[in-house]
Amino acid sequence: MAAATVGMVTPFRLNSSAQFRDLALSQGPFVYPTAAYWKQAFDVLELSAQLGDTEKVIADTGRTAPARSLLQDTGACFAQEISRRDQHNLDQDVKLFFHLRQCADGR
């Protein structure tokens, strides 16, 4: 899986991968049933209530789609463009999409 390799990525805009970790952890998620937990829960509810239909669909798609499907969809778009550019035949397309899928699945 691609996610297993994230820890090996060298950050290029941060001093270290832990640069903001303490800040992020200090802001939640908070432990139930503390006052901080309830404040955070109501803040999320308030933000959710303000979402329009477009934002709700975007959020729901991100929640329900596996993380790797985005990679696969994006890769498929690149592969289609490469196929058009290079005027691939069916055999070449099959090989290209097969290898792309193997990469997306982390094989």
PDB file of N, CA and C in Angstrom:
ATOM      1  N   MET A   1       0.827  -1.184   0.000  1.00  0.00           N
ATOM      2  CA  MET A   1       0.000   0.000   0.000  1.00  0.00           C
ATOM      3  C   MET A   1       0.866   1.239   0.000  1.00  0.00           C
ATOM      4  N   ALA A   2       0.369   2.266  -0.638  1.00  0.00           N
ATOM      5  CA  ALA A   2       1.108   3.516  -0.707  1.00  0.00           C
ATOM      6  C   ALA A   2       1.243   4.160   0.666  1.00  0.00           C
ATOM      7  N   ALA A   3       0.220   4.058   1.511  1.00  0.00           N
ATOM      8  CA  ALA A   3       0.241   4.707   2.818  1.00  0.00           C
ATOM      9  C   ALA A   3       1.375   4.198   3.695  1.00  0.00           C
ATOM     10  N   ALA A   4       1.783   2.967   3.521  1.00  0.00           N
ATOM     11  CA  ALA A   4       2.857   2.405   4.336  1.00  0.00           C
ATOM     12  C   ALA A   4       4.191   3.086   4.066  1.00  0.00           C
ATOM     13  N   THR A   5       4.334   3.734   2.934  1.00  0.00           N
ATOM     14  CA  THR A   5       5.599   4.381   2.591  1.00  0.00           C
ATOM     15  C   THR A   5       5.630   5.864   2.938  1.00  0.00           C
ATOM     16  N   VAL A   6       4.535   6.402   3.440  1.00  0.00           N
ATOM     17  CA  VAL A   6       4.472   7.835   3.716  1.00  0.00           C
ATOM     18  C   VAL A   6       5.546   8.263   4.710  1.00  0.00           C
ATOM     19  N   GLY A   7       5.839   7.428   5.683  1.00  0.00           N
ATOM     20  CA  GLY A   7       6.855   7.763   6.670  1.00  0.00           C
ATOM     21  C   GLY A   7       8.251   7.876   6.102  1.00  0.00           C
ATOM     22  N   MET A   8       8.468   7.338   4.908  1.00  0.00           N
ATOM     23  CA  MET A   8       9.794   7.391   4.289  1.00  0.00           C
ATOM     24  C   MET A   8       9.963   8.603   3.369  1.00  0.00           C
ATOM     25  N   VAL A   9       8.900   9.392   3.213  1.00  0.00           N
ATOM     26  CA  VAL A   9       8.956  10.563   2.346  1.00  0.00           C
ATOM     27  C   VAL A   9       9.711  11.679   3.052  1.00  0.00           C
ATOM     28  N   THR A  10      10.663  12.278   2.371  1.00  0.00           N
ATOM     29  CA  THR A  10      11.426  13.387   2.928  1.00  0.00           C
ATOM     30  C   THR A  10      10.654  14.688   2.732  1.00  0.00           C
ATOM     31  N   PRO A  11      10.320  15.376   3.823  1.00  0.00           N
ATOM     32  CA  PRO A  11       9.594  16.643   3.677  1.00  0.00           C
ATOM     33  C   PRO A  11      10.467  17.681   2.979  1.00  0.00           C
ATOM     34  N   PHE A  12       9.874  18.440   2.070  1.00  0.00           N
ATOM     35  CA  PHE A  12      10.669  19.429   1.354  1.00  0.00           C
ATOM     36  C   PHE A  12      10.308  20.858   1.739  1.00  0.00           C
ATOM     37  N   ARG A  13       9.231  21.073   2.479  1.00  0.00           N
ATOM     38  CA  ARG A  13       8.872  22.413   2.916  1.00  0.00           C
ATOM     39  C   ARG A  13       8.858  22.533   4.436  1.00  0.00           C
ATOM     40  N   LEU A  14       9.110  21.445   5.145  1.00  0.00           N
ATOM     41  CA  LEU A  14       9.154  21.449   6.598  1.00  0.00           C
ATOM     42  C   LEU A  14      10.569  21.165   7.057  1.00  0.00           C
ATOM     43  N   ASN A  15      10.864  21.593   8.274  1.00  0.00           N
ATOM     44  CA  ASN A  15      12.168  21.245   8.847  1.00  0.00           C
ATOM     45  C   ASN A  15      12.219  19.764   9.190  1.00  0.00           C
ATOM     46  N   SER A  16      11.072  19.206   9.603  1.00  0.00           N
ATOM     47  CA  SER A  16      10.989  17.775   9.896  1.00  0.00           C
ATOM     48  C   SER A  16       9.528  17.358   9.771  1.00  0.00           C
ATOM     49  N   SER A  17       9.302  16.059   9.674  1.00  0.00           N
ATOM     50  CA  SER A  17       7.923  15.582   9.562  1.00  0.00           C
ATOM     51  C   SER A  17       7.159  15.770  10.866  1.00  0.00           C
ATOM     52  N   ALA A  18       7.852  16.010  11.968  1.00  0.00           N
ATOM     53  CA  ALA A  18       7.207  16.196  13.271  1.00  0.00           C
ATOM     54  C   ALA A  18       7.029  17.669  13.632  1.00  0.00           C
ATOM     55  N   GLN A  19       7.314  18.567  12.713  1.00  0.00           N
ATOM     56  CA  GLN A  19       7.330  19.991  13.016  1.00  0.00           C
ATOM     57  C   GLN A  19       6.028  20.491  13.644  1.00  0.00           C
ATOM     58  N   PHE A  20       4.887  20.042  13.167  1.00  0.00           N
ATOM     59  CA  PHE A  20       3.603  20.518  13.683  1.00  0.00           C
ATOM     60  C   PHE A  20       2.852  19.450  14.472  1.00  0.00           C
ATOM     61  N   ARG A  21       3.500  18.330  14.748  1.00  0.00           N
ATOM     62  CA  ARG A  21       2.821  17.227  15.417  1.00  0.00           C
ATOM     63  C   ARG A  21       2.311  17.630  16.799  1.00  0.00           C
ATOM     64  N   ASP A  22       3.143  18.284  17.617  1.00  0.00           N
ATOM     65  CA  ASP A  22       2.716  18.675  18.963  1.00  0.00           C
ATOM     66  C   ASP A  22       1.540  19.643  18.909  1.00  0.00           C
ATOM     67  N   LEU A  23       1.585  20.587  17.983  1.00  0.00           N
ATOM     68  CA  LEU A  23       0.489  21.536  17.830  1.00  0.00           C
ATOM     69  C   LEU A  23      -0.806  20.816  17.458  1.00  0.00           C
ATOM     70  N   ALA A  24      -0.727  19.912  16.501  1.00  0.00           N
ATOM     71  CA  ALA A  24      -1.918  19.178  16.066  1.00  0.00           C
ATOM     72  C   ALA A  24      -2.484  18.330  17.200  1.00  0.00           C
ATOM     73  N   LEU A  25      -1.617  17.636  17.922  1.00  0.00           N
ATOM     74  CA  LEU A  25      -2.084  16.784  19.010  1.00  0.00           C
ATOM     75  C   LEU A  25      -2.640  17.587  20.178  1.00  0.00           C
ATOM     76  N   SER A  26      -2.136  18.801  20.377  1.00  0.00           N
ATOM     77  CA  SER A  26      -2.640  19.634  21.475  1.00  0.00           C
ATOM     78  C   SER A  26      -4.044  20.161  21.191  1.00  0.00           C
ATOM     79  N   GLN A  27      -4.474  20.123  19.938  1.00  0.00           N
ATOM     80  CA  GLN A  27      -5.782  20.653  19.563  1.00  0.00           C
ATOM     81  C   GLN A  27      -6.822  19.559  19.355  1.00  0.00           C
ATOM     82  N   GLY A  28      -6.524  18.340  19.712  1.00  0.00           N
ATOM     83  CA  GLY A  28      -7.527  17.293  19.610  1.00  0.00           C
ATOM     84  C   GLY A  28      -7.026  16.109  18.833  1.00  0.00           C
ATOM     85  N   PRO A  29      -7.780  15.079  18.696  1.00  0.00           N
ATOM     86  CA  PRO A  29      -9.137  14.967  19.232  1.00  0.00           C
ATOM     87  C   PRO A  29      -9.110  14.864  20.757  1.00  0.00           C
ATOM     88  N   PHE A  30     -10.105  15.470  21.363  1.00  0.00           N
ATOM     89  CA  PHE A  30     -10.165  15.523  22.817  1.00  0.00           C
ATOM     90  C   PHE A  30     -10.850  14.287  23.380  1.00  0.00           C
ATOM     91  N   VAL A  31     -10.561  14.000  24.645  1.00  0.00           N
ATOM     92  CA  VAL A  31     -11.064  12.798  25.309  1.00  0.00           C
ATOM     93  C   VAL A  31     -12.480  13.034  25.826  1.00  0.00           C
ATOM     94  N   TYR A  32     -13.349  12.068  25.563  1.00  0.00           N
ATOM     95  CA  TYR A  32     -14.723  12.089  26.069  1.00  0.00           C
ATOM     96  C   TYR A  32     -14.701  11.798  27.556  1.00  0.00           C
ATOM     97  N   PRO A  33     -15.428  12.438  28.390  1.00  0.00           N
ATOM     98  CA  PRO A  33     -16.461  13.455  28.241  1.00  0.00           C
ATOM     99  C   PRO A  33     -16.011  14.828  28.719  1.00  0.00           C
ATOM    100  N   THR A  34     -14.813  15.257  28.403  1.00  0.00           N
ATOM    101  CA  THR A  34     -14.310  16.551  28.879  1.00  0.00           C
ATOM    102  C   THR A  34     -15.035  17.708  28.202  1.00  0.00           C
ATOM    103  N   ALA A  35     -14.904  18.885  28.786  1.00  0.00           N
ATOM    104  CA  ALA A  35     -15.515  20.094  28.216  1.00  0.00           C
ATOM    105  C   ALA A  35     -14.924  20.386  26.835  1.00  0.00           C
ATOM    106  N   ALA A  36     -13.634  20.125  26.680  1.00  0.00           N
ATOM    107  CA  ALA A  36     -12.984  20.357  25.384  1.00  0.00           C
ATOM    108  C   ALA A  36     -13.586  19.440  24.317  1.00  0.00           C
ATOM    109  N   TYR A  37     -13.912  18.197  24.696  1.00  0.00           N
ATOM    110  CA  TYR A  37     -14.542  17.259  23.758  1.00  0.00           C
ATOM    111  C   TYR A  37     -15.880  17.810  23.275  1.00  0.00           C
ATOM    112  N   TRP A  38     -16.714  18.259  24.223  1.00  0.00           N
ATOM    113  CA  TRP A  38     -18.040  18.753  23.846  1.00  0.00           C
ATOM    114  C   TRP A  38     -17.944  20.019  22.997  1.00  0.00           C
ATOM    115  N   LYS A  39     -16.989  20.898  23.314  1.00  0.00           N
ATOM    116  CA  LYS A  39     -16.819  22.101  22.495  1.00  0.00           C
ATOM    117  C   LYS A  39     -16.441  21.720  21.074  1.00  0.00           C
ATOM    118  N   GLN A  40     -15.496  20.792  20.953  1.00  0.00           N
ATOM    119  CA  GLN A  40     -15.073  20.360  19.625  1.00  0.00           C
ATOM    120  C   GLN A  40     -16.231  19.700  18.870  1.00  0.00           C
ATOM    121  N   ALA A  41     -17.005  18.874  19.546  1.00  0.00           N
ATOM    122  CA  ALA A  41     -18.139  18.199  18.899  1.00  0.00           C
ATOM    123  C   ALA A  41     -19.162  19.213  18.390  1.00  0.00           C
ATOM    124  N   PHE A  42     -19.488  20.210  19.209  1.00  0.00           N
ATOM    125  CA  PHE A  42     -20.462  21.208  18.774  1.00  0.00           C
ATOM    126  C   PHE A  42     -19.910  22.116  17.683  1.00  0.00           C
ATOM    127  N   ASP A  43     -18.611  22.378  17.711  1.00  0.00           N
ATOM    128  CA  ASP A  43     -17.986  23.151  16.623  1.00  0.00           C
ATOM    129  C   ASP A  43     -18.113  22.407  15.297  1.00  0.00           C
ATOM    130  N   VAL A  44     -17.886  21.091  15.312  1.00  0.00           N
ATOM    131  CA  VAL A  44     -18.013  20.286  14.098  1.00  0.00           C
ATOM    132  C   VAL A  44     -19.462  20.278  13.611  1.00  0.00           C
ATOM    133  N   LEU A  45     -20.402  20.134  14.530  1.00  0.00           N
ATOM    134  CA  LEU A  45     -21.825  20.164  14.158  1.00  0.00           C
ATOM    135  C   LEU A  45     -22.204  21.504  13.534  1.00  0.00           C
ATOM    136  N   GLU A  46     -21.713  22.583  14.114  1.00  0.00           N
ATOM    137  CA  GLU A  46     -22.009  23.917  13.578  1.00  0.00           C
ATOM    138  C   GLU A  46     -21.432  24.089  12.170  1.00  0.00           C
ATOM    139  N   LEU A  47     -20.206  23.644  11.980  1.00  0.00           N
ATOM    140  CA  LEU A  47     -19.602  23.726  10.646  1.00  0.00           C
ATOM    141  C   LEU A  47     -20.373  22.869   9.643  1.00  0.00           C
ATOM    142  N   SER A  48     -20.773  21.682  10.062  1.00  0.00           N
ATOM    143  CA  SER A  48     -21.521  20.787   9.173  1.00  0.00           C
ATOM    144  C   SER A  48     -22.850  21.393   8.766  1.00  0.00           C
ATOM    145  N   ALA A  49     -23.502  22.081   9.687  1.00  0.00           N
ATOM    146  CA  ALA A  49     -24.796  22.694   9.400  1.00  0.00           C
ATOM    147  C   ALA A  49     -24.674  23.807   8.361  1.00  0.00           C
ATOM    148  N   GLN A  50     -23.496  24.389   8.232  1.00  0.00           N
ATOM    149  CA  GLN A  50     -23.283  25.494   7.294  1.00  0.00           C
ATOM    150  C   GLN A  50     -22.881  25.027   5.894  1.00  0.00           C
ATOM    151  N   LEU A  51     -22.668  23.728   5.710  1.00  0.00           N
ATOM    152  CA  LEU A  51     -22.254  23.226   4.402  1.00  0.00           C
ATOM    153  C   LEU A  51     -23.410  23.265   3.408  1.00  0.00           C
ATOM    154  N   GLY A  52     -23.090  23.631   2.185  1.00  0.00           N
ATOM    155  CA  GLY A  52     -24.071  23.580   1.107  1.00  0.00           C
ATOM    156  C   GLY A  52     -24.095  22.191   0.493  1.00  0.00           C
ATOM    157  N   ASP A  53     -24.980  21.987  -0.472  1.00  0.00           N
ATOM    158  CA  ASP A  53     -25.103  20.675  -1.105  1.00  0.00           C
ATOM    159  C   ASP A  53     -23.800  20.234  -1.769  1.00  0.00           C
ATOM    160  N   THR A  54     -23.124  21.158  -2.446  1.00  0.00           N
ATOM    161  CA  THR A  54     -21.871  20.821  -3.132  1.00  0.00           C
ATOM    162  C   THR A  54     -20.823  20.339  -2.140  1.00  0.00           C
ATOM    163  N   GLU A  55     -20.660  21.067  -1.032  1.00  0.00           N
ATOM    164  CA  GLU A  55     -19.668  20.678  -0.037  1.00  0.00           C
ATOM    165  C   GLU A  55     -20.024  19.339   0.614  1.00  0.00           C
ATOM    166  N   LYS A  56     -21.313  19.094   0.805  1.00  0.00           N
ATOM    167  CA  LYS A  56     -21.734  17.819   1.397  1.00  0.00           C
ATOM    168  C   LYS A  56     -21.392  16.648   0.484  1.00  0.00           C
ATOM    169  N   VAL A  57     -21.591  16.816  -0.818  1.00  0.00           N
ATOM    170  CA  VAL A  57     -21.271  15.743  -1.764  1.00  0.00           C
ATOM    171  C   VAL A  57     -19.768  15.506  -1.794  1.00  0.00           C
ATOM    172  N   ILE A  58     -18.994  16.579  -1.801  1.00  0.00           N
ATOM    173  CA  ILE A  58     -17.535  16.447  -1.797  1.00  0.00           C
ATOM    174  C   ILE A  58     -17.072  15.725  -0.537  1.00  0.00           C
ATOM    175  N   ALA A  59     -17.605  16.117   0.615  1.00  0.00           N
ATOM    176  CA  ALA A  59     -17.217  15.488   1.879  1.00  0.00           C
ATOM    177  C   ALA A  59     -17.632  14.029   1.909  1.00  0.00           C
ATOM    178  N   ASP A  60     -18.822  13.718   1.423  1.00  0.00           N
ATOM    179  CA  ASP A  60     -19.306  12.344   1.440  1.00  0.00           C
ATOM    180  C   ASP A  60     -18.490  11.464   0.502  1.00  0.00           C
ATOM    181  N   THR A  61     -18.120  11.997  -0.650  1.00  0.00           N
ATOM    182  CA  THR A  61     -17.309  11.234  -1.595  1.00  0.00           C
ATOM    183  C   THR A  61     -15.956  10.901  -0.976  1.00  0.00           C
ATOM    184  N   GLY A  62     -15.349  11.865  -0.321  1.00  0.00           N
ATOM    185  CA  GLY A  62     -14.070  11.626   0.329  1.00  0.00           C
ATOM    186  C   GLY A  62     -14.165  10.636   1.466  1.00  0.00           C
ATOM    187  N   ARG A  63     -15.307  10.605   2.142  1.00  0.00           N
ATOM    188  CA  ARG A  63     -15.497   9.711   3.275  1.00  0.00           C
ATOM    189  C   ARG A  63     -15.725   8.276   2.825  1.00  0.00           C
ATOM    190  N   THR A  64     -16.444   8.108   1.719  1.00  0.00           N
ATOM    191  CA  THR A  64     -16.836   6.764   1.303  1.00  0.00           C
ATOM    192  C   THR A  64     -15.864   6.116   0.330  1.00  0.00           C
ATOM    193  N   ALA A  65     -15.086   6.905  -0.378  1.00  0.00           N
ATOM    194  CA  ALA A  65     -14.162   6.334  -1.368  1.00  0.00           C
ATOM    195  C   ALA A  65     -12.871   5.896  -0.681  1.00  0.00           C
ATOM    196  N   PRO A  66     -12.369   4.718  -1.004  1.00  0.00           N
ATOM    197  CA  PRO A  66     -11.079   4.320  -0.441  1.00  0.00           C
ATOM    198  C   PRO A  66      -9.991   5.287  -0.891  1.00  0.00           C
ATOM    199  N   ALA A  67      -9.001   5.491  -0.059  1.00  0.00           N
ATOM    200  CA  ALA A  67      -7.931   6.437  -0.376  1.00  0.00           C
ATOM    201  C   ALA A  67      -7.250   6.089  -1.687  1.00  0.00           C
ATOM    202  N   ARG A  68      -7.079   4.806  -1.958  1.00  0.00           N
ATOM    203  CA  ARG A  68      -6.358   4.453  -3.168  1.00  0.00           C
ATOM    204  C   ARG A  68      -7.187   4.666  -4.422  1.00  0.00           C
ATOM    205  N   SER A  69      -8.534   4.781  -4.299  1.00  0.00           N
ATOM    206  CA  SER A  69      -9.335   4.982  -5.504  1.00  0.00           C
ATOM    207  C   SER A  69      -9.033   6.337  -6.135  1.00  0.00           C
ATOM    208  N   LEU A  70      -8.720   7.339  -5.294  1.00  0.00           N
ATOM    209  CA  LEU A  70      -8.343   8.642  -5.838  1.00  0.00           C
ATOM    210  C   LEU A  70      -7.062   8.513  -6.643  1.00  0.00           C
ATOM    211  N   LEU A  71      -6.106   7.770  -6.103  1.00  0.00           N
ATOM    212  CA  LEU A  71      -4.855   7.536  -6.824  1.00  0.00           C
ATOM    213  C   LEU A  71      -5.121   6.815  -8.135  1.00  0.00           C
ATOM    214  N   GLN A  72      -5.987   5.803  -8.094  1.00  0.00           N
ATOM    215  CA  GLN A  72      -6.295   5.052  -9.296  1.00  0.00           C
ATOM    216  C   GLN A  72      -6.999   5.931 -10.318  1.00  0.00           C
ATOM    217  N   ASP A  73      -7.955   6.748  -9.871  1.00  0.00           N
ATOM    218  CA  ASP A  73      -8.674   7.622 -10.794  1.00  0.00           C
ATOM    219  C   ASP A  73      -7.746   8.649 -11.417  1.00  0.00           C
ATOM    220  N   THR A  74      -6.881   9.230 -10.605  1.00  0.00           N
ATOM    221  CA  THR A  74      -5.939  10.223 -11.114  1.00  0.00           C
ATOM    222  C   THR A  74      -4.968   9.576 -12.091  1.00  0.00           C
ATOM    223  N   GLY A  75      -4.476   8.401 -11.727  1.00  0.00           N
ATOM    224  CA  GLY A  75      -3.556   7.675 -12.613  1.00  0.00           C
ATOM    225  C   GLY A  75      -4.217   7.295 -13.915  1.00  0.00           C
ATOM    226  N   ALA A  76      -5.500   6.913 -13.857  1.00  0.00           N
ATOM    227  CA  ALA A  76      -6.228   6.549 -15.072  1.00  0.00           C
ATOM    228  C   ALA A  76      -6.353   7.758 -15.998  1.00  0.00           C
ATOM    229  N   CYS A  77      -6.556   8.929 -15.437  1.00  0.00           N
ATOM    230  CA  CYS A  77      -6.634  10.147 -16.267  1.00  0.00           C
ATOM    231  C   CYS A  77      -5.296  10.403 -16.967  1.00  0.00           C
ATOM    232  N   PHE A  78      -4.204  10.251 -16.224  1.00  0.00           N
ATOM    233  CA  PHE A  78      -2.886  10.422 -16.843  1.00  0.00           C
ATOM    234  C   PHE A  78      -2.673   9.381 -17.943  1.00  0.00           C
ATOM    235  N   ALA A  79      -3.056   8.149 -17.664  1.00  0.00           N
ATOM    236  CA  ALA A  79      -2.869   7.079 -18.646  1.00  0.00           C
ATOM    237  C   ALA A  79      -3.674   7.346 -19.915  1.00  0.00           C
ATOM    238  N   GLN A  80      -4.882   7.864 -19.767  1.00  0.00           N
ATOM    239  CA  GLN A  80      -5.693   8.187 -20.944  1.00  0.00           C
ATOM    240  C   GLN A  80      -5.009   9.254 -21.788  1.00  0.00           C
ATOM    241  N   GLU A  81      -4.462  10.260 -21.124  1.00  0.00           N
ATOM    242  CA  GLU A  81      -3.770  11.323 -21.862  1.00  0.00           C
ATOM    243  C   GLU A  81      -2.529  10.782 -22.567  1.00  0.00           C
ATOM    244  N   ILE A  82      -1.786   9.916 -21.892  1.00  0.00           N
ATOM    245  CA  ILE A  82      -0.604   9.312 -22.511  1.00  0.00           C
ATOM    246  C   ILE A  82      -1.013   8.468 -23.711  1.00  0.00           C
ATOM    247  N   SER A  83      -2.096   7.711 -23.554  1.00  0.00           N
ATOM    248  CA  SER A  83      -2.583   6.874 -24.649  1.00  0.00           C
ATOM    249  C   SER A  83      -2.961   7.712 -25.862  1.00  0.00           C
ATOM    250  N   ARG A  84      -3.673   8.811 -25.623  1.00  0.00           N
ATOM    251  CA  ARG A  84      -4.051   9.701 -26.735  1.00  0.00           C
ATOM    252  C   ARG A  84      -2.820  10.322 -27.389  1.00  0.00           C
ATOM    253  N   ARG A  85      -1.926  10.825 -26.524  1.00  0.00           N
ATOM    254  CA  ARG A  85      -0.733  11.496 -27.030  1.00  0.00           C
ATOM    255  C   ARG A  85       0.120  10.577 -27.886  1.00  0.00           C
ATOM    256  N   ASP A  86       0.308   9.334 -27.395  1.00  0.00           N
ATOM    257  CA  ASP A  86       1.189   8.388 -28.076  1.00  0.00           C
ATOM    258  C   ASP A  86       0.448   7.499 -29.069  1.00  0.00           C
ATOM    259  N   GLN A  87      -0.856   7.715 -29.210  1.00  0.00           N
ATOM    260  CA  GLN A  87      -1.698   6.963 -30.149  1.00  0.00           C
ATOM    261  C   GLN A  87      -1.547   5.447 -29.948  1.00  0.00           C
ATOM    262  N   HIS A  88      -1.771   5.029 -28.696  1.00  0.00           N
ATOM    263  CA  HIS A  88      -1.672   3.603 -28.361  1.00  0.00           C
ATOM    264  C   HIS A  88      -2.748   2.781 -29.044  1.00  0.00           C
ATOM    265  N   ASN A  89      -2.403   1.534 -29.315  1.00  0.00           N
ATOM    266  CA  ASN A  89      -3.420   0.583 -29.754  1.00  0.00           C
ATOM    267  C   ASN A  89      -3.952  -0.125 -28.506  1.00  0.00           C
ATOM    268  N   LEU A  90      -4.902  -1.038 -28.686  1.00  0.00           N
ATOM    269  CA  LEU A  90      -5.526  -1.712 -27.549  1.00  0.00           C
ATOM    270  C   LEU A  90      -4.507  -2.484 -26.715  1.00  0.00           C
ATOM    271  N   ASP A  91      -3.602  -3.203 -27.351  1.00  0.00           N
ATOM    272  CA  ASP A  91      -2.604  -3.979 -26.611  1.00  0.00           C
ATOM    273  C   ASP A  91      -1.738  -3.083 -25.730  1.00  0.00           C
ATOM    274  N   GLN A  92      -1.323  -1.951 -26.269  1.00  0.00           N
ATOM    275  CA  GLN A  92      -0.496  -1.027 -25.486  1.00  0.00           C
ATOM    276  C   GLN A  92      -1.296  -0.443 -24.316  1.00  0.00           C
ATOM    277  N   ASP A  93      -2.570  -0.135 -24.539  1.00  0.00           N
ATOM    278  CA  ASP A  93      -3.415   0.396 -23.461  1.00  0.00           C
ATOM    279  C   ASP A  93      -3.603  -0.624 -22.350  1.00  0.00           C
ATOM    280  N   VAL A  94      -3.828  -1.877 -22.721  1.00  0.00           N
ATOM    281  CA  VAL A  94      -4.017  -2.920 -21.713  1.00  0.00           C
ATOM    282  C   VAL A  94      -2.782  -3.015 -20.827  1.00  0.00           C
ATOM    283  N   LYS A  95      -1.612  -3.015 -21.421  1.00  0.00           N
ATOM    284  CA  LYS A  95      -0.370  -3.088 -20.649  1.00  0.00           C
ATOM    285  C   LYS A  95      -0.201  -1.863 -19.750  1.00  0.00           C
ATOM    286  N   LEU A  96      -0.466  -0.684 -20.304  1.00  0.00           N
ATOM    287  CA  LEU A  96      -0.313   0.551 -19.545  1.00  0.00           C
ATOM    288  C   LEU A  96      -1.240   0.559 -18.331  1.00  0.00           C
ATOM    289  N   PHE A  97      -2.521   0.255 -18.531  1.00  0.00           N
ATOM    290  CA  PHE A  97      -3.479   0.290 -17.429  1.00  0.00           C
ATOM    291  C   PHE A  97      -3.211  -0.841 -16.423  1.00  0.00           C
ATOM    292  N   PHE A  98      -2.764  -1.991 -16.900  1.00  0.00           N
ATOM    293  CA  PHE A  98      -2.423  -3.081 -15.988  1.00  0.00           C
ATOM    294  C   PHE A  98      -1.287  -2.665 -15.065  1.00  0.00           C
ATOM    295  N   HIS A  99      -0.217  -2.106 -15.626  1.00  0.00           N
ATOM    296  CA  HIS A  99       0.922  -1.688 -14.810  1.00  0.00           C
ATOM    297  C   HIS A  99       0.539  -0.556 -13.868  1.00  0.00           C
ATOM    298  N   LEU A 100      -0.283   0.334 -14.339  1.00  0.00           N
ATOM    299  CA  LEU A 100      -0.751   1.435 -13.497  1.00  0.00           C
ATOM    300  C   LEU A 100      -1.509   0.894 -12.299  1.00  0.00           C
ATOM    301  N   ARG A 101      -2.393  -0.075 -12.521  1.00  0.00           N
ATOM    302  CA  ARG A 101      -3.172  -0.668 -11.430  1.00  0.00           C
ATOM    303  C   ARG A 101      -2.256  -1.375 -10.432  1.00  0.00           C
ATOM    304  N   GLN A 102      -1.225  -2.054 -10.934  1.00  0.00           N
ATOM    305  CA  GLN A 102      -0.278  -2.725 -10.050  1.00  0.00           C
ATOM    306  C   GLN A 102       0.426  -1.716  -9.154  1.00  0.00           C
ATOM    307  N   CYS A 103       0.797  -0.579  -9.724  1.00  0.00           N
ATOM    308  CA  CYS A 103       1.461   0.469  -8.939  1.00  0.00           C
ATOM    309  C   CYS A 103       0.503   1.040  -7.891  1.00  0.00           C
ATOM    310  N   ALA A 104      -0.736   1.302  -8.277  1.00  0.00           N
ATOM    311  CA  ALA A 104      -1.717   1.865  -7.359  1.00  0.00           C
ATOM    312  C   ALA A 104      -2.026   0.920  -6.207  1.00  0.00           C
ATOM    313  N   ASP A 105      -1.971  -0.387  -6.483  1.00  0.00           N
ATOM    314  CA  ASP A 105      -2.245  -1.385  -5.446  1.00  0.00           C
ATOM    315  C   ASP A 105      -1.004  -1.679  -4.615  1.00  0.00           C
ATOM    316  N   GLY A 106       0.135  -1.091  -4.974  1.00  0.00           N
ATOM    317  CA  GLY A 106       1.367  -1.289  -4.223  1.00  0.00           C
ATOM    318  C   GLY A 106       2.027  -2.632  -4.460  1.00  0.00           C
ATOM    319  N   ARG A 107       1.832  -3.193  -5.631  1.00  0.00           N
ATOM    320  CA  ARG A 107       2.423  -4.497  -5.943  1.00  0.00           C
ATOM    321  C   ARG A 107       3.718  -4.340  -6.699  1.00  0.00           C
TER     322      ARG A 107
END
